Amino acid sequence: MSITAAMVKDLRERTGAGMMECKKALTEADGDIEKAIEAMRKSGAAKAVKKAGRVAAEGQVIINISDDKKNAAVVEVNCETDFVGKDENFIRFAEELGAIALREAVEDAAALSATTMASGQTVEEARQELVSKIGENIQVRRVQKMTASEGEFGSYRHGVRIGVVVEVAGGDEALARDIAMHIAAIKPVCVDESEVPADLLEKERAIFAAQAKESGKPDNIVEKMVSGRMKKYLKEITLLGQPFVKNPDQTIEALLKDADAKVLQFTRMEVGEGIEKKQEDFAAEVMAQVKGG
């Protein structure tokens, strides 16, 4: 059967694939567009597997909060390049995942990947299809489900890369947003000292003790030095102890006290955190090629 330009155009519009790939698929399917689409979806799954090992440390963090501000979902969807992170197909995919995560109250990325999208596909099927269409590794990396206990959720999104949701009891929407903005900028570990992980405290205390002992001072002085450094460290990593980013003369604790409010929990998610990115040295690569030549 003769494959016409109109057939290729139709398949391109329906799949987003390249012209030559569409022509090849139609030829192999003897002009049957539905069979061509099915074959392309199958090959797309294979391509997705091949690309799965490539580092995906760009993308978007999506925040969704219920109308009553009692439930929230934060989702990180990754791709390989900043360029694809701004692609409308990728953005549409990520935004639908954020809405599904809130609506279905999913607990993690695996559960989200198994849910069904508006198209009737599972999230995983749609992801594989998008990998084939865009040509990059795309991953649904993290999902954080949040339920308010006694306060309401406020949020702040810095560009597309950092998302913060904070539960505040008391105050107003502007206060919650200011605190979320502060968390985005300063990256506290937890709300207050009671929430600091014990292993983190032990690790830092051991480091401070080793540093203090090098001073050669008596043990009682060393202990005071360690205690002082630990006190300073706790103020630096806890939200309440930190100077407010918009007014460094005031701590977050004082800001909340003035508003008769309190922070109950927060989540901060940043695209690619914890993923080791490959560092490209273009100059070294060129020199290696020159020497090789």
Protein backbone atom coordinates (compact mmCIF):
# COMPACT_ATOMS: atom_id res chain seq x y z
CA MET A 1 0.00 0.00 0.00
CA SER A 2 1.24 3.48 -0.85
CA ILE A 3 2.02 5.63 2.18
CA THR A 4 0.85 9.20 1.56
CA ALA A 5 2.11 12.42 3.11
CA ALA A 6 -1.35 12.93 4.66
CA MET A 7 -1.08 9.56 6.45
CA VAL A 8 2.35 10.43 7.80
CA LYS A 9 1.09 13.83 8.94
CA ASP A 10 -1.88 12.23 10.72
CA LEU A 11 0.37 9.74 12.55
CA ARG A 12 2.81 12.50 13.52
CA GLU A 13 0.00 14.58 15.02
CA ARG A 14 -1.31 11.60 16.99
CA THR A 15 2.05 10.36 18.30
CA GLY A 16 4.43 13.32 18.20
CA ALA A 17 7.08 11.05 16.62
CA GLY A 18 9.44 12.07 13.80
CA MET A 19 8.45 11.94 10.13
CA MET A 20 10.78 9.08 9.19
CA GLU A 21 9.73 7.02 12.22
CA CYS A 22 6.06 7.53 11.28
CA LYS A 23 6.66 6.58 7.65
CA LYS A 24 8.55 3.43 8.70
CA ALA A 25 5.80 2.42 11.14
CA LEU A 26 3.09 2.92 8.51
CA THR A 27 5.05 0.93 5.95
CA GLU A 28 5.51 -1.97 8.37
CA ALA A 29 1.81 -1.81 9.29
CA ASP A 30 0.80 -1.78 5.61
CA GLY A 31 -0.83 1.63 6.03
CA ASP A 32 -2.96 0.69 9.05
CA ILE A 33 -2.59 3.72 11.33
CA GLU A 34 -3.95 1.96 14.43
CA LYS A 35 -1.49 -0.93 14.03
CA ALA A 36 1.30 1.60 13.47
CA ILE A 37 0.40 3.40 16.70
CA GLU A 38 0.32 0.12 18.63
CA ALA A 39 3.73 -0.89 17.27
CA MET A 40 5.17 2.53 18.09
CA ARG A 41 3.84 2.30 21.65
CA LYS A 42 5.49 -1.09 22.04
CA SER A 43 8.80 0.15 20.67
CA GLY A 44 8.39 3.22 22.92
CA ALA A 45 8.37 0.95 25.95
CA ALA A 46 11.60 -0.62 24.72
CA LYS A 47 13.17 2.81 24.23
CA ALA A 48 12.07 3.82 27.72
CA VAL A 49 13.92 0.83 29.16
CA LYS A 50 17.07 1.73 27.21
CA LYS A 51 16.95 5.34 28.44
CA ALA A 52 16.15 4.43 32.06
CA GLY A 53 19.83 4.27 33.02
CA ARG A 54 20.54 7.85 31.95
CA VAL A 55 20.71 10.50 34.68
CA ALA A 56 17.50 12.51 35.01
CA ALA A 57 18.19 15.37 37.41
CA GLU A 58 16.21 18.20 35.82
CA GLY A 59 12.44 18.63 35.69
CA GLN A 60 9.72 20.11 37.87
CA VAL A 61 8.27 20.04 41.37
CA ILE A 62 4.48 20.26 41.33
CA ILE A 63 2.37 21.36 44.32
CA ASN A 64 -1.36 20.72 44.72
CA ILE A 65 -3.42 21.74 47.77
CA SER A 66 -7.09 20.95 48.37
CA ASP A 67 -9.65 23.76 48.48
CA ASP A 68 -10.01 23.43 52.25
CA LYS A 69 -6.19 23.56 52.62
CA LYS A 70 -6.22 20.34 54.66
CA ASN A 71 -4.57 18.02 52.14
CA ALA A 72 -1.55 18.49 49.91
CA ALA A 73 0.61 16.59 47.44
CA VAL A 74 4.12 17.45 46.28
CA VAL A 75 5.45 15.58 43.24
CA GLU A 76 8.88 15.59 41.58
CA VAL A 77 9.04 14.55 37.92
CA ASN A 78 12.49 14.37 36.35
CA CYS A 79 13.97 14.60 32.87
CA GLU A 80 17.55 14.87 31.60
CA THR A 81 17.75 18.49 30.45
CA ASP A 82 16.38 21.86 31.45
CA PHE A 83 15.15 22.28 27.86
CA VAL A 84 12.78 19.30 28.14
CA GLY A 85 11.76 20.47 31.62
CA LYS A 86 10.15 23.45 29.85
CA ASP A 87 8.52 21.37 27.08
CA GLU A 88 4.73 21.71 27.07
CA ASN A 89 4.22 17.94 26.82
CA PHE A 90 6.44 17.33 29.85
CA ILE A 91 4.76 20.15 31.81
CA ARG A 92 1.28 18.83 30.99
CA PHE A 93 2.31 15.33 32.11
CA ALA A 94 3.82 16.61 35.39
CA GLU A 95 0.82 18.82 36.18
CA GLU A 96 -1.66 15.98 35.64
CA LEU A 97 0.42 13.79 37.95
CA GLY A 98 0.26 16.46 40.64
CA ALA A 99 -3.54 16.62 40.37
CA ILE A 100 -3.85 12.82 40.47
CA ALA A 101 -1.53 12.57 43.50
CA LEU A 102 -3.80 14.94 45.46
CA ARG A 103 -7.08 13.44 44.26
CA GLU A 104 -6.08 9.81 44.86
CA ALA A 105 -4.02 10.55 48.00
CA VAL A 106 -1.19 8.34 46.74
CA GLU A 107 1.63 7.54 49.16
CA ASP A 108 4.63 7.21 46.84
CA ALA A 109 5.92 7.27 43.25
CA ALA A 110 5.18 3.58 42.67
CA ALA A 111 1.53 4.03 43.62
CA LEU A 112 1.26 7.12 41.43
CA SER A 113 2.77 5.27 38.45
CA ALA A 114 0.04 2.64 38.72
CA THR A 115 -2.87 5.12 38.68
CA THR A 116 -4.95 5.88 35.58
CA MET A 117 -4.78 9.18 33.72
CA ALA A 118 -7.56 11.00 31.87
CA SER A 119 -6.41 9.34 28.63
CA GLY A 120 -7.15 5.90 30.06
CA GLN A 121 -3.45 5.02 30.21
CA THR A 122 -1.65 4.31 33.44
CA VAL A 123 0.92 6.91 34.46
CA GLU A 124 3.67 4.39 33.65
CA GLU A 125 2.30 3.79 30.14
CA ALA A 126 2.07 7.54 29.54
CA ARG A 127 5.62 7.99 30.87
CA GLN A 128 6.99 5.40 28.45
CA GLU A 129 5.14 7.02 25.57
CA LEU A 130 6.54 10.42 26.55
CA VAL A 131 10.07 9.00 26.68
CA SER A 132 9.62 7.77 23.11
CA LYS A 133 8.17 11.09 21.97
CA ILE A 134 10.67 13.41 23.66
CA GLY A 135 13.75 11.20 23.55
CA GLU A 136 14.90 11.61 27.15
CA ASN A 137 14.75 9.54 30.30
CA ILE A 138 11.72 10.72 32.30
CA GLN A 139 11.09 9.53 35.84
CA VAL A 140 8.36 9.99 38.44
CA ARG A 141 10.82 10.32 41.31
CA ARG A 142 9.05 11.39 44.49
CA VAL A 143 5.61 11.94 45.95
CA GLN A 144 4.92 13.49 49.34
CA LYS A 145 1.38 13.20 50.69
CA MET A 146 0.49 15.62 53.50
CA THR A 147 -2.55 15.87 55.78
CA ALA A 148 -3.06 18.82 58.12
CA SER A 149 -3.64 18.10 61.80
CA GLU A 150 -4.93 21.39 63.20
CA GLY A 151 -3.71 24.09 60.85
CA GLU A 152 -3.92 24.86 57.13
CA PHE A 153 -1.42 24.45 54.32
CA GLY A 154 0.37 27.31 52.64
CA SER A 155 2.92 26.97 49.86
CA TYR A 156 5.65 28.58 47.84
CA ARG A 157 7.12 27.47 44.51
CA HIS A 158 10.42 28.96 43.42
CA GLY A 159 10.41 28.75 39.63
CA VAL A 160 9.73 25.10 38.80
CA ARG A 161 12.61 23.58 40.76
CA ILE A 162 11.76 24.12 44.44
CA GLY A 163 8.43 23.51 46.13
CA VAL A 164 7.51 24.00 49.80
CA VAL A 165 4.30 23.17 51.63
CA VAL A 166 3.96 24.23 55.28
CA GLU A 167 1.18 23.67 57.80
CA VAL A 168 0.56 26.72 59.96
CA ALA A 169 -2.00 27.04 62.77
CA GLY A 170 -2.97 30.69 63.26
CA GLY A 171 -1.77 33.68 61.29
CA ASP A 172 -2.94 34.18 57.72
CA GLU A 173 -2.18 33.10 54.15
CA ALA A 174 0.54 35.74 53.76
CA LEU A 175 2.36 34.46 56.86
CA ALA A 176 2.23 30.87 55.62
CA ARG A 177 3.61 31.93 52.24
CA ASP A 178 6.42 33.96 53.88
CA ILE A 179 7.44 30.96 55.98
CA ALA A 180 7.29 28.65 52.95
CA MET A 181 9.48 31.13 51.05
CA HIS A 182 11.94 31.18 53.95
CA ILE A 183 12.10 27.36 53.97
CA ALA A 184 12.74 27.35 50.21
CA ALA A 185 15.66 29.74 50.63
CA ILE A 186 17.29 28.61 53.89
CA LYS A 187 16.57 24.83 53.89
CA PRO A 188 15.94 24.04 57.57
CA VAL A 189 16.17 20.36 58.51
CA CYS A 190 13.11 20.37 60.78
CA VAL A 191 10.76 22.63 62.75
CA ASP A 192 12.48 22.64 66.15
CA GLU A 193 15.22 20.93 68.19
CA SER A 194 12.94 18.07 69.30
CA GLU A 195 12.70 16.87 65.70
CA VAL A 196 16.44 16.77 64.92
CA PRO A 197 17.44 13.14 64.14
CA ALA A 198 19.57 11.60 66.91
CA ASP A 199 22.17 10.24 64.45
CA LEU A 200 22.66 13.72 63.01
CA LEU A 201 23.21 15.17 66.49
CA GLU A 202 25.73 12.47 67.35
CA LYS A 203 27.60 12.98 64.09
CA GLU A 204 27.90 16.75 64.53
CA ARG A 205 28.82 16.47 68.22
CA ALA A 206 31.64 14.03 67.34
CA ILE A 207 32.97 16.44 64.71
CA PHE A 208 32.83 19.42 67.06
CA ALA A 209 34.50 17.39 69.84
CA ALA A 210 37.39 16.35 67.57
CA GLN A 211 37.88 19.95 66.45
CA ALA A 212 37.77 21.29 70.02
CA LYS A 213 40.29 18.74 71.32
CA GLU A 214 42.83 19.98 68.79
CA SER A 215 42.90 23.27 70.69
CA GLY A 216 44.76 21.53 73.54
CA LYS A 217 42.45 23.07 76.14
CA PRO A 218 41.32 21.19 79.31
CA ASP A 219 38.40 18.76 79.01
CA ASN A 220 35.97 21.03 80.88
CA ILE A 221 36.72 23.87 78.43
CA VAL A 222 36.45 21.51 75.48
CA GLU A 223 32.99 20.43 76.67
CA LYS A 224 31.87 24.07 76.89
CA MET A 225 33.20 24.69 73.39
CA VAL A 226 31.27 21.69 72.04
CA SER A 227 28.08 22.74 73.84
CA GLY A 228 28.34 26.25 72.42
CA ARG A 229 28.90 24.99 68.88
CA MET A 230 26.00 22.53 69.17
CA LYS A 231 23.71 25.31 70.35
CA LYS A 232 24.68 27.43 67.36
CA TYR A 233 24.30 24.48 65.00
CA LEU A 234 20.77 23.73 66.24
CA LYS A 235 19.71 27.33 65.60
CA GLU A 236 21.09 27.07 62.08
CA ILE A 237 19.25 23.88 61.09
CA THR A 238 15.90 24.33 62.87
CA LEU A 239 13.21 26.53 61.36
CA LEU A 240 12.31 28.24 64.63
CA GLY A 241 15.92 29.12 65.40
CA GLN A 242 16.71 30.68 62.02
CA PRO A 243 16.69 34.44 61.33
CA PHE A 244 13.72 35.26 59.08
CA VAL A 245 15.01 35.65 55.51
CA LYS A 246 12.99 38.87 54.97
CA ASN A 247 14.03 40.35 58.32
CA PRO A 248 17.28 38.85 59.71
CA ASP A 249 16.83 40.76 63.00
CA GLN A 250 13.83 38.54 63.80
CA THR A 251 13.81 34.75 64.18
CA ILE A 252 11.03 32.60 62.74
CA GLU A 253 10.10 31.74 66.32
CA ALA A 254 9.61 35.46 67.13
CA LEU A 255 7.70 36.01 63.88
CA LEU A 256 5.28 33.23 64.77
CA LYS A 257 4.90 34.45 68.34
CA ASP A 258 3.95 37.93 67.14
CA ALA A 259 1.27 36.39 64.91
CA ASP A 260 0.08 33.97 67.61
CA ALA A 261 0.79 31.12 65.19
CA LYS A 262 2.80 27.91 65.03
CA VAL A 263 4.31 25.68 62.36
CA LEU A 264 3.30 22.03 62.63
CA GLN A 265 5.09 20.48 59.65
CA PHE A 266 6.67 21.26 56.31
CA THR A 267 8.00 19.58 53.18
CA ARG A 268 10.69 21.06 50.97
CA MET A 269 11.39 19.37 47.65
CA GLU A 270 14.03 20.43 45.13
CA VAL A 271 14.51 18.98 41.67
CA GLY A 272 17.46 16.62 41.46
CA GLU A 273 18.60 16.85 45.09
CA GLY A 274 20.60 13.77 46.00
CA ILE A 275 21.14 12.77 42.35
CA GLU A 276 24.76 12.74 41.26
CA LYS A 277 25.00 14.64 38.00
CA LYS A 278 27.63 13.89 35.41
CA GLN A 279 30.00 16.84 35.14
CA GLU A 280 30.83 17.65 31.54
CA ASP A 281 34.25 19.18 30.84
CA PHE A 282 33.89 20.36 27.26
CA ALA A 283 37.41 21.80 27.01
CA ALA A 284 38.99 18.56 28.24
CA GLU A 285 36.84 16.57 25.82
CA VAL A 286 37.98 18.70 22.87
CA MET A 287 41.64 18.40 23.91
CA ALA A 288 41.31 14.63 24.19
CA GLN A 289 39.89 14.49 20.67
CA VAL A 290 42.68 16.72 19.33
CA LYS A 291 45.35 14.53 20.93
CA GLY A 292 43.61 11.41 19.71
CA GLY A 293 43.55 12.82 16.21
